[in-house]
């Protein structure tokens, strides 16, 4: 089971903060991702993870529409642990939501290594435009959008045509030198 099939559980306190912000016409900032090693069914009444081991800023995010965002976080350092719970924190320090599931490992953080954790967050149950994601200092540029993919394809196609042209020139030179 991957994090794509495990649902984000929005906390009551997080929802209340979003409703209050929407009423005031402000937008809250989703700033941190935390990881822990416990696997369980999250509760909307949670205020913390069951065993938070690390908390980092988002490395990248992309709004993919219909209340969903794709985000990436990088966990580094000397700790080693299975990632079985993820927490998503507002800039105010409120836990907005949790991803976890019994008997499920989402990823693994190796000792003195890096773990890149991608997630898709369904925020459609929150008031519209009440939350935005804040990216920290490290930007991964992992979430490549369609324009970059099209540019890369165009460049590869151009290089392919150049190679074919070079082969034709070599054939012509070979044919010309044999006459």
N, C-alpha and C. Protein backbone atom coordinates (compact mmCIF):
# COMPACT_ATOMS: atom_id res chain seq x y z
N UNK A 1 0.85 -1.17 0.00
CA UNK A 1 0.00 0.00 0.00
C UNK A 1 0.89 1.23 0.00
N UNK A 2 0.68 2.16 -0.92
CA UNK A 2 1.50 3.37 -1.01
C UNK A 2 0.77 4.54 -0.39
N UNK A 3 1.51 5.67 -0.24
CA UNK A 3 0.88 6.84 0.35
C UNK A 3 -0.22 7.40 -0.55
N UNK A 4 -0.20 7.04 -1.84
CA UNK A 4 -1.26 7.51 -2.74
C UNK A 4 -2.61 6.90 -2.40
N UNK A 5 -2.62 5.70 -1.82
CA UNK A 5 -3.88 5.05 -1.50
C UNK A 5 -4.28 5.27 -0.04
N UNK A 6 -3.36 5.78 0.75
CA UNK A 6 -3.67 6.08 2.15
C UNK A 6 -4.15 7.53 2.21
N UNK A 7 -5.28 7.73 2.83
CA UNK A 7 -5.90 9.05 2.86
C UNK A 7 -5.31 9.94 3.94
N UNK A 8 -5.23 11.21 3.63
CA UNK A 8 -4.85 12.23 4.60
C UNK A 8 -6.02 12.44 5.55
N UNK A 9 -5.76 12.31 6.84
CA UNK A 9 -6.79 12.58 7.85
C UNK A 9 -6.58 13.99 8.36
N UNK A 10 -7.55 14.86 8.12
CA UNK A 10 -7.49 16.26 8.58
C UNK A 10 -7.86 16.30 10.06
N UNK A 11 -7.07 17.02 10.85
CA UNK A 11 -7.37 17.13 12.28
C UNK A 11 -8.48 18.15 12.51
N UNK A 12 -9.22 17.99 13.58
CA UNK A 12 -10.29 18.94 13.91
C UNK A 12 -9.72 20.33 14.16
N UNK A 13 -8.60 20.39 14.89
CA UNK A 13 -7.98 21.68 15.17
C UNK A 13 -7.50 22.34 13.88
N UNK A 14 -6.94 21.55 12.98
CA UNK A 14 -6.50 22.08 11.68
C UNK A 14 -7.67 22.59 10.86
N UNK A 15 -8.77 21.83 10.84
CA UNK A 15 -9.96 22.25 10.11
C UNK A 15 -10.54 23.53 10.70
N UNK A 16 -10.62 23.58 12.04
CA UNK A 16 -11.14 24.78 12.70
C UNK A 16 -10.30 26.01 12.36
N UNK A 17 -8.98 25.83 12.33
CA UNK A 17 -8.09 26.95 12.00
C UNK A 17 -8.29 27.41 10.56
N UNK A 18 -8.52 26.46 9.65
CA UNK A 18 -8.77 26.80 8.24
C UNK A 18 -10.10 27.55 8.08
N UNK A 19 -11.13 27.09 8.79
CA UNK A 19 -12.44 27.75 8.72
C UNK A 19 -12.34 29.17 9.26
N UNK A 20 -11.63 29.35 10.36
CA UNK A 20 -11.44 30.67 10.94
C UNK A 20 -10.66 31.59 10.00
N UNK A 21 -9.62 31.06 9.37
CA UNK A 21 -8.83 31.85 8.43
C UNK A 21 -9.66 32.27 7.23
N UNK A 22 -10.46 31.34 6.71
CA UNK A 22 -11.32 31.65 5.56
C UNK A 22 -12.29 32.77 5.91
N UNK A 23 -12.88 32.73 7.12
CA UNK A 23 -13.81 33.76 7.56
C UNK A 23 -13.14 35.12 7.66
N UNK A 24 -11.84 35.12 7.98
CA UNK A 24 -11.09 36.38 8.10
C UNK A 24 -10.48 36.81 6.77
N UNK A 25 -10.64 35.98 5.74
CA UNK A 25 -10.11 36.31 4.42
C UNK A 25 -8.60 36.14 4.31
N UNK A 26 -8.03 35.28 5.15
CA UNK A 26 -6.59 35.03 5.07
C UNK A 26 -6.32 33.59 4.68
N UNK A 27 -5.09 33.35 4.24
CA UNK A 27 -4.70 32.01 3.82
C UNK A 27 -3.62 31.50 4.77
N UNK A 28 -3.76 30.27 5.22
CA UNK A 28 -2.79 29.66 6.12
C UNK A 28 -1.66 29.04 5.31
N UNK A 29 -0.50 28.93 5.95
CA UNK A 29 0.67 28.35 5.29
C UNK A 29 0.97 26.97 5.86
N UNK A 30 0.98 25.98 4.97
CA UNK A 30 1.40 24.63 5.32
C UNK A 30 2.91 24.61 5.15
N UNK A 31 3.65 24.48 6.26
CA UNK A 31 5.08 24.74 6.22
C UNK A 31 5.97 23.52 6.44
N UNK A 32 5.56 22.57 7.28
CA UNK A 32 6.45 21.47 7.65
C UNK A 32 5.81 20.11 7.41
N UNK A 33 6.69 19.14 7.21
CA UNK A 33 6.32 17.73 7.14
C UNK A 33 7.13 17.03 8.23
N UNK A 34 6.47 16.21 9.01
CA UNK A 34 7.21 15.43 10.01
C UNK A 34 7.02 13.95 9.73
N UNK A 35 8.01 13.18 10.15
CA UNK A 35 7.98 11.74 9.93
C UNK A 35 8.20 11.03 11.25
N UNK A 36 7.52 9.90 11.39
CA UNK A 36 7.67 9.06 12.57
C UNK A 36 7.62 7.60 12.18
N UNK A 37 7.83 6.74 13.17
CA UNK A 37 7.95 5.32 12.87
C UNK A 37 6.80 4.46 13.38
N UNK A 38 5.66 5.06 13.72
CA UNK A 38 4.50 4.29 14.17
C UNK A 38 3.47 4.18 13.06
N UNK A 39 2.85 3.02 12.93
CA UNK A 39 1.81 2.77 11.92
C UNK A 39 0.49 2.54 12.63
N UNK A 40 -0.55 3.31 12.26
CA UNK A 40 -1.82 3.26 12.97
C UNK A 40 -2.90 3.94 12.13
N UNK A 41 -4.12 3.90 12.61
CA UNK A 41 -5.22 4.65 11.99
C UNK A 41 -5.25 6.02 12.66
N UNK A 42 -4.96 7.10 11.89
CA UNK A 42 -4.94 8.44 12.48
C UNK A 42 -6.32 8.87 12.98
N UNK A 43 -6.31 9.74 13.97
CA UNK A 43 -7.54 10.28 14.55
C UNK A 43 -7.64 11.78 14.27
N UNK A 44 -8.82 12.28 13.94
CA UNK A 44 -8.98 13.72 13.75
C UNK A 44 -8.70 14.52 15.03
N UNK A 45 -8.66 13.86 16.18
CA UNK A 45 -8.40 14.54 17.44
C UNK A 45 -6.90 14.63 17.77
N UNK A 46 -6.04 14.06 16.92
CA UNK A 46 -4.60 14.11 17.18
C UNK A 46 -4.07 15.53 17.12
N UNK A 47 -3.07 15.81 17.96
CA UNK A 47 -2.38 17.09 17.93
C UNK A 47 -0.90 16.90 17.62
N UNK A 48 -0.45 15.64 17.66
CA UNK A 48 0.95 15.29 17.35
C UNK A 48 0.95 13.93 16.67
N UNK A 49 2.10 13.58 16.11
CA UNK A 49 2.29 12.21 15.64
C UNK A 49 2.52 11.34 16.87
N UNK A 50 2.35 10.04 16.71
CA UNK A 50 2.57 9.15 17.85
C UNK A 50 4.04 9.08 18.24
N UNK A 51 4.94 9.18 17.24
CA UNK A 51 6.37 9.16 17.55
C UNK A 51 7.14 9.93 16.49
N UNK A 52 7.01 11.25 16.51
CA UNK A 52 7.71 12.10 15.54
C UNK A 52 9.21 12.00 15.76
N UNK A 53 9.94 11.77 14.64
CA UNK A 53 11.39 11.66 14.71
C UNK A 53 12.10 12.81 14.00
N UNK A 54 11.48 13.36 12.96
CA UNK A 54 12.08 14.47 12.22
C UNK A 54 10.98 15.38 11.69
N UNK A 55 11.32 16.66 11.56
CA UNK A 55 10.41 17.64 10.95
C UNK A 55 11.24 18.51 10.01
N UNK A 56 10.78 18.63 8.76
CA UNK A 56 11.49 19.42 7.74
C UNK A 56 10.50 20.30 7.00
N UNK A 57 11.05 21.29 6.30
CA UNK A 57 10.22 22.13 5.44
C UNK A 57 9.97 21.39 4.11
N UNK A 58 8.93 21.80 3.42
CA UNK A 58 8.66 21.25 2.09
C UNK A 58 9.79 21.64 1.15
N UNK A 59 10.17 20.72 0.27
CA UNK A 59 11.20 21.00 -0.72
C UNK A 59 10.61 21.46 -2.03
N UNK A 60 9.35 21.14 -2.24
CA UNK A 60 8.68 21.52 -3.49
C UNK A 60 7.20 21.19 -3.36
N UNK A 61 6.39 21.90 -4.13
CA UNK A 61 4.98 21.54 -4.21
C UNK A 61 4.41 22.04 -5.52
N UNK A 62 3.30 21.43 -5.91
CA UNK A 62 2.60 21.82 -7.13
C UNK A 62 1.11 21.63 -6.88
N UNK A 63 0.34 22.65 -7.18
CA UNK A 63 -1.12 22.57 -7.08
C UNK A 63 -1.60 21.83 -8.33
N UNK A 64 -2.24 20.68 -8.15
CA UNK A 64 -2.68 19.90 -9.30
C UNK A 64 -4.19 20.04 -9.53
N UNK A 65 -4.81 20.99 -8.83
CA UNK A 65 -6.22 21.28 -9.04
C UNK A 65 -7.12 20.41 -8.19
N UNK A 66 -8.39 20.71 -8.25
CA UNK A 66 -9.47 20.04 -7.51
C UNK A 66 -9.10 19.78 -6.04
N UNK A 67 -8.46 20.78 -5.43
CA UNK A 67 -8.15 20.68 -4.01
C UNK A 67 -7.00 19.75 -3.67
N UNK A 68 -6.16 19.42 -4.64
CA UNK A 68 -5.04 18.51 -4.38
C UNK A 68 -3.71 19.19 -4.68
N UNK A 69 -2.71 18.85 -3.87
CA UNK A 69 -1.35 19.32 -4.12
C UNK A 69 -0.41 18.12 -4.06
N UNK A 70 0.63 18.18 -4.88
CA UNK A 70 1.71 17.22 -4.79
C UNK A 70 2.85 17.94 -4.09
N UNK A 71 3.49 17.28 -3.16
CA UNK A 71 4.57 17.90 -2.41
C UNK A 71 5.70 16.90 -2.19
N UNK A 72 6.88 17.46 -1.90
CA UNK A 72 8.06 16.64 -1.68
C UNK A 72 8.79 17.17 -0.46
N UNK A 73 9.27 16.26 0.38
CA UNK A 73 10.09 16.62 1.53
C UNK A 73 11.33 15.73 1.54
N UNK A 74 12.42 16.27 2.08
CA UNK A 74 13.67 15.50 2.16
C UNK A 74 14.07 15.38 3.63
N UNK A 75 14.16 14.15 4.09
CA UNK A 75 14.61 13.86 5.44
C UNK A 75 16.07 13.43 5.37
N UNK A 76 16.94 14.09 6.13
CA UNK A 76 18.38 13.82 6.12
C UNK A 76 18.88 13.65 7.54
N UNK A 77 20.13 13.23 7.65
CA UNK A 77 20.76 13.15 8.97
C UNK A 77 21.10 11.74 9.36
N UNK A 78 21.54 11.61 10.61
CA UNK A 78 22.06 10.31 11.06
C UNK A 78 21.00 9.33 11.54
N UNK A 79 19.77 9.79 11.76
CA UNK A 79 18.72 8.86 12.20
C UNK A 79 18.41 7.82 11.12
N UNK A 80 18.04 6.62 11.56
CA UNK A 80 17.60 5.56 10.66
C UNK A 80 16.28 5.02 11.20
N UNK A 81 15.25 4.98 10.32
CA UNK A 81 13.95 4.51 10.78
C UNK A 81 13.01 4.28 9.59
N UNK A 82 12.03 3.41 9.77
CA UNK A 82 10.98 3.27 8.76
C UNK A 82 10.01 4.44 8.91
N UNK A 83 9.63 5.03 7.80
CA UNK A 83 8.64 6.11 7.85
C UNK A 83 7.26 5.45 7.75
N UNK A 84 6.50 5.55 8.84
CA UNK A 84 5.18 4.92 8.89
C UNK A 84 4.08 5.92 9.20
N UNK A 85 4.48 7.13 9.56
CA UNK A 85 3.50 8.20 9.81
C UNK A 85 4.09 9.51 9.32
N UNK A 86 3.26 10.31 8.68
CA UNK A 86 3.65 11.63 8.21
C UNK A 86 2.66 12.65 8.78
N UNK A 87 3.19 13.76 9.25
CA UNK A 87 2.36 14.84 9.76
C UNK A 87 2.60 16.09 8.94
N UNK A 88 1.55 16.88 8.76
CA UNK A 88 1.63 18.09 7.96
C UNK A 88 1.20 19.26 8.84
N UNK A 89 2.11 20.22 9.00
CA UNK A 89 1.99 21.25 10.02
C UNK A 89 1.82 22.64 9.41
N UNK A 90 0.89 23.38 9.98
CA UNK A 90 0.70 24.77 9.60
C UNK A 90 1.81 25.61 10.23
N UNK A 91 2.04 26.78 9.68
CA UNK A 91 3.07 27.68 10.20
C UNK A 91 2.80 28.05 11.66
N UNK A 92 1.54 28.02 12.07
CA UNK A 92 1.17 28.32 13.45
C UNK A 92 1.61 27.23 14.43
N UNK A 93 1.99 26.06 13.90
CA UNK A 93 2.37 24.93 14.75
C UNK A 93 1.26 23.91 14.90
N UNK A 94 0.12 24.15 14.29
CA UNK A 94 -1.02 23.22 14.36
C UNK A 94 -0.82 22.06 13.38
N UNK A 95 -1.06 20.86 13.86
CA UNK A 95 -1.04 19.68 13.00
C UNK A 95 -2.30 19.71 12.14
N UNK A 96 -2.14 19.89 10.83
CA UNK A 96 -3.28 19.95 9.92
C UNK A 96 -3.78 18.56 9.55
N UNK A 97 -2.84 17.63 9.32
CA UNK A 97 -3.26 16.30 8.89
C UNK A 97 -2.18 15.26 9.07
N UNK A 98 -2.62 14.00 9.00
CA UNK A 98 -1.74 12.85 9.21
C UNK A 98 -1.99 11.82 8.13
N UNK A 99 -0.89 11.19 7.69
CA UNK A 99 -0.98 10.01 6.82
C UNK A 99 -0.32 8.86 7.56
N UNK A 100 -1.06 7.79 7.77
CA UNK A 100 -0.53 6.57 8.37
C UNK A 100 -1.56 5.47 8.16
N UNK A 101 -1.12 4.24 8.28
CA UNK A 101 -2.02 3.10 8.17
C UNK A 101 -1.39 1.92 8.89
N UNK A 102 -2.19 1.12 9.57
CA UNK A 102 -1.63 -0.03 10.29
C UNK A 102 -0.81 -0.95 9.37
N UNK A 103 0.29 -1.45 9.91
CA UNK A 103 1.14 -2.41 9.19
C UNK A 103 1.64 -1.89 7.85
N UNK A 104 1.84 -0.57 7.73
CA UNK A 104 2.25 0.02 6.46
C UNK A 104 3.48 0.88 6.63
N UNK A 105 4.50 0.61 5.83
CA UNK A 105 5.70 1.45 5.79
C UNK A 105 5.61 2.30 4.53
N UNK A 106 5.70 3.62 4.69
CA UNK A 106 5.59 4.55 3.57
C UNK A 106 6.92 4.73 2.85
N UNK A 107 8.02 4.67 3.61
CA UNK A 107 9.35 4.87 3.04
C UNK A 107 10.36 4.45 4.11
N UNK A 108 11.65 4.62 3.82
CA UNK A 108 12.66 4.26 4.80
C UNK A 108 13.77 5.30 4.79
N UNK A 109 14.11 5.82 5.95
CA UNK A 109 15.19 6.79 6.11
C UNK A 109 16.42 6.06 6.59
N UNK A 110 17.48 6.04 5.76
CA UNK A 110 18.72 5.34 6.12
C UNK A 110 19.63 6.23 6.96
N UNK A 111 20.51 5.60 7.72
CA UNK A 111 21.46 6.32 8.57
C UNK A 111 22.40 7.15 7.70
N UNK A 112 22.55 8.43 8.05
CA UNK A 112 23.40 9.39 7.34
C UNK A 112 23.03 9.52 5.87
N UNK A 113 21.83 9.17 5.53
CA UNK A 113 21.37 9.27 4.15
C UNK A 113 20.24 10.27 4.01
N UNK A 114 19.71 10.34 2.81
CA UNK A 114 18.60 11.21 2.49
C UNK A 114 17.41 10.35 2.07
N UNK A 115 16.24 10.78 2.44
CA UNK A 115 15.01 10.12 2.02
C UNK A 115 14.11 11.18 1.41
N UNK A 116 13.83 11.04 0.13
CA UNK A 116 12.92 11.94 -0.56
C UNK A 116 11.52 11.34 -0.44
N UNK A 117 10.61 12.09 0.17
CA UNK A 117 9.25 11.60 0.41
C UNK A 117 8.24 12.42 -0.41
N UNK A 118 7.74 11.86 -1.50
CA UNK A 118 6.68 12.55 -2.25
C UNK A 118 5.31 12.21 -1.66
N UNK A 119 4.39 13.15 -1.70
CA UNK A 119 3.02 12.90 -1.25
C UNK A 119 2.05 13.68 -2.13
N UNK A 120 0.85 13.14 -2.23
CA UNK A 120 -0.26 13.87 -2.83
C UNK A 120 -1.26 14.10 -1.71
N UNK A 121 -1.55 15.36 -1.44
CA UNK A 121 -2.45 15.72 -0.36
C UNK A 121 -3.79 16.17 -0.91
N UNK A 122 -4.85 15.53 -0.48
CA UNK A 122 -6.20 15.92 -0.85
C UNK A 122 -6.71 16.91 0.19
N UNK A 123 -6.72 18.18 -0.18
CA UNK A 123 -7.18 19.25 0.72
C UNK A 123 -8.58 19.72 0.35
N UNK A 124 -9.29 18.92 -0.43
CA UNK A 124 -10.61 19.33 -0.92
C UNK A 124 -11.66 19.41 0.19
N UNK A 125 -11.40 18.80 1.35
CA UNK A 125 -12.34 18.90 2.47
C UNK A 125 -12.13 20.15 3.31
N UNK A 126 -11.16 20.97 2.93
CA UNK A 126 -10.91 22.23 3.62
C UNK A 126 -11.61 23.36 2.87
N UNK A 127 -11.87 24.48 3.53
CA UNK A 127 -12.43 25.63 2.81
C UNK A 127 -11.51 26.00 1.65
N UNK A 128 -12.09 26.32 0.50
CA UNK A 128 -11.30 26.62 -0.70
C UNK A 128 -10.35 27.78 -0.45
N UNK A 129 -9.16 27.63 -0.99
CA UNK A 129 -8.10 28.65 -0.91
C UNK A 129 -7.77 29.07 0.52
N UNK A 130 -7.93 28.17 1.47
CA UNK A 130 -7.60 28.51 2.86
C UNK A 130 -6.18 28.11 3.23
N UNK A 131 -5.54 27.27 2.40
CA UNK A 131 -4.19 26.79 2.70
C UNK A 131 -3.32 26.86 1.46
N UNK A 132 -2.08 27.30 1.65
CA UNK A 132 -1.07 27.22 0.61
C UNK A 132 0.15 26.54 1.20
N UNK A 133 0.99 25.99 0.35
CA UNK A 133 2.19 25.31 0.81
C UNK A 133 3.37 26.27 0.68
N UNK A 134 4.18 26.33 1.73
CA UNK A 134 5.38 27.16 1.72
C UNK A 134 6.58 26.25 1.51
N UNK A 135 7.40 26.57 0.51
CA UNK A 135 8.59 25.79 0.22
C UNK A 135 9.77 26.39 0.96
N UNK A 136 10.56 25.54 1.59
CA UNK A 136 11.73 25.99 2.33
C UNK A 136 12.87 26.37 1.40
N UNK A 137 14.06 26.39 1.94
CA UNK A 137 15.24 26.83 1.19
C UNK A 137 15.65 25.87 0.08
N UNK A 138 15.44 24.59 0.30
CA UNK A 138 15.89 23.60 -0.67
C UNK A 138 14.76 23.24 -1.61
N UNK A 139 14.94 23.55 -2.91
CA UNK A 139 13.93 23.25 -3.90
C UNK A 139 14.46 22.13 -4.78
N UNK A 140 13.68 21.06 -4.93
CA UNK A 140 14.14 19.87 -5.63
C UNK A 140 13.87 19.87 -7.13
N UNK A 141 12.89 20.64 -7.58
CA UNK A 141 12.49 20.63 -8.98
C UNK A 141 12.21 19.22 -9.48
N UNK A 142 11.57 18.43 -8.63
CA UNK A 142 11.23 17.05 -8.99
C UNK A 142 9.89 17.00 -9.73
N UNK A 143 8.97 17.84 -9.32
CA UNK A 143 7.64 17.81 -9.91
C UNK A 143 7.68 18.57 -11.23
N UNK A 144 8.02 17.85 -12.28
CA UNK A 144 8.16 18.47 -13.60
C UNK A 144 6.79 18.59 -14.23
N UNK A 145 6.45 19.80 -14.61
CA UNK A 145 5.14 19.96 -15.22
C UNK A 145 5.20 19.72 -16.72
N UNK A 146 4.07 19.79 -17.34
CA UNK A 146 3.93 19.40 -18.75
C UNK A 146 4.81 20.23 -19.69
N UNK A 147 4.97 21.52 -19.40
CA UNK A 147 5.77 22.38 -20.29
C UNK A 147 7.23 21.91 -20.33
N UNK A 148 7.80 21.54 -19.17
CA UNK A 148 9.17 21.05 -19.16
C UNK A 148 9.28 19.74 -19.91
N UNK A 149 8.32 18.88 -19.78
CA UNK A 149 8.33 17.60 -20.50
C UNK A 149 8.27 17.85 -22.00
N UNK A 150 7.46 18.79 -22.45
CA UNK A 150 7.36 19.10 -23.87
C UNK A 150 8.67 19.68 -24.40
N UNK A 151 9.30 20.54 -23.60
CA UNK A 151 10.59 21.11 -24.02
C UNK A 151 11.65 20.03 -24.13
N UNK A 152 11.67 19.11 -23.19
CA UNK A 152 12.65 18.03 -23.24
C UNK A 152 12.42 17.15 -24.46
N UNK A 153 11.17 16.85 -24.77
CA UNK A 153 10.86 16.03 -25.95
C UNK A 153 11.30 16.74 -27.22
N UNK A 154 11.06 18.05 -27.31
CA UNK A 154 11.46 18.82 -28.49
C UNK A 154 12.98 18.79 -28.65
N UNK A 155 13.70 18.90 -27.55
CA UNK A 155 15.16 18.88 -27.62
C UNK A 155 15.66 17.51 -28.07
N UNK A 156 15.10 16.43 -27.54
CA UNK A 156 15.51 15.09 -27.95
C UNK A 156 15.18 14.87 -29.43
N UNK A 157 14.01 15.32 -29.89
CA UNK A 157 13.65 15.19 -31.30
C UNK A 157 14.64 15.93 -32.20
N UNK A 158 15.04 17.13 -31.77
CA UNK A 158 16.01 17.92 -32.54
C UNK A 158 17.36 17.20 -32.61
N UNK A 159 17.82 16.67 -31.50
CA UNK A 159 19.08 15.94 -31.50
C UNK A 159 19.00 14.70 -32.39
N UNK A 160 17.86 14.02 -32.38
CA UNK A 160 17.67 12.84 -33.23
C UNK A 160 17.77 13.22 -34.71
N UNK A 161 17.11 14.32 -35.10
CA UNK A 161 17.19 14.77 -36.50
C UNK A 161 18.62 15.14 -36.88
N UNK A 162 19.37 15.76 -35.96
CA UNK A 162 20.76 16.13 -36.24
C UNK A 162 21.62 14.89 -36.46
N UNK A 163 21.40 13.86 -35.66
CA UNK A 163 22.17 12.63 -35.82
C UNK A 163 21.84 11.97 -37.16
N UNK A 164 20.55 11.92 -37.52
CA UNK A 164 20.17 11.35 -38.82
C UNK A 164 20.79 12.13 -39.97
N UNK A 165 20.82 13.45 -39.84
CA UNK A 165 21.44 14.29 -40.88
C UNK A 165 22.94 14.00 -40.97
N UNK A 166 23.59 13.83 -39.84
CA UNK A 166 25.03 13.52 -39.85
C UNK A 166 25.29 12.19 -40.54
N UNK A 167 24.44 11.18 -40.30
CA UNK A 167 24.59 9.90 -40.99
C UNK A 167 24.42 10.04 -42.50
N UNK A 168 23.47 10.87 -42.92
CA UNK A 168 23.27 11.10 -44.37
C UNK A 168 24.50 11.75 -44.98
N UNK A 169 25.07 12.73 -44.29
CA UNK A 169 26.27 13.40 -44.79
C UNK A 169 27.43 12.41 -44.89
N UNK A 170 27.59 11.57 -43.88
CA UNK A 170 28.66 10.56 -43.92
C UNK A 170 28.45 9.60 -45.09
N UNK A 171 27.20 9.18 -45.34
CA UNK A 171 26.91 8.30 -46.48
C UNK A 171 27.22 8.99 -47.79
N UNK A 172 26.86 10.26 -47.90
CA UNK A 172 27.16 11.00 -49.13
C UNK A 172 28.66 11.14 -49.35
N UNK A 173 29.40 11.44 -48.27
CA UNK A 173 30.85 11.56 -48.38
C UNK A 173 31.48 10.22 -48.77
N UNK A 174 30.98 9.14 -48.19
CA UNK A 174 31.49 7.81 -48.50
C UNK A 174 31.19 7.49 -49.96
N UNK A 175 29.98 7.78 -50.41
CA UNK A 175 29.59 7.51 -51.80
C UNK A 175 30.39 8.39 -52.76
N UNK A 176 30.62 9.64 -52.40
CA UNK A 176 31.36 10.57 -53.25
C UNK A 176 32.84 10.17 -53.36
N UNK A 177 33.42 9.72 -52.23
CA UNK A 177 34.85 9.37 -52.25
C UNK A 177 35.09 8.05 -52.99
N UNK A 178 34.08 7.19 -53.10
CA UNK A 178 34.26 5.92 -53.80
C UNK A 178 34.13 6.12 -55.31
N UNK A 179 33.61 7.25 -55.78
CA UNK A 179 33.49 7.51 -57.22
C UNK A 179 34.73 8.10 -57.77
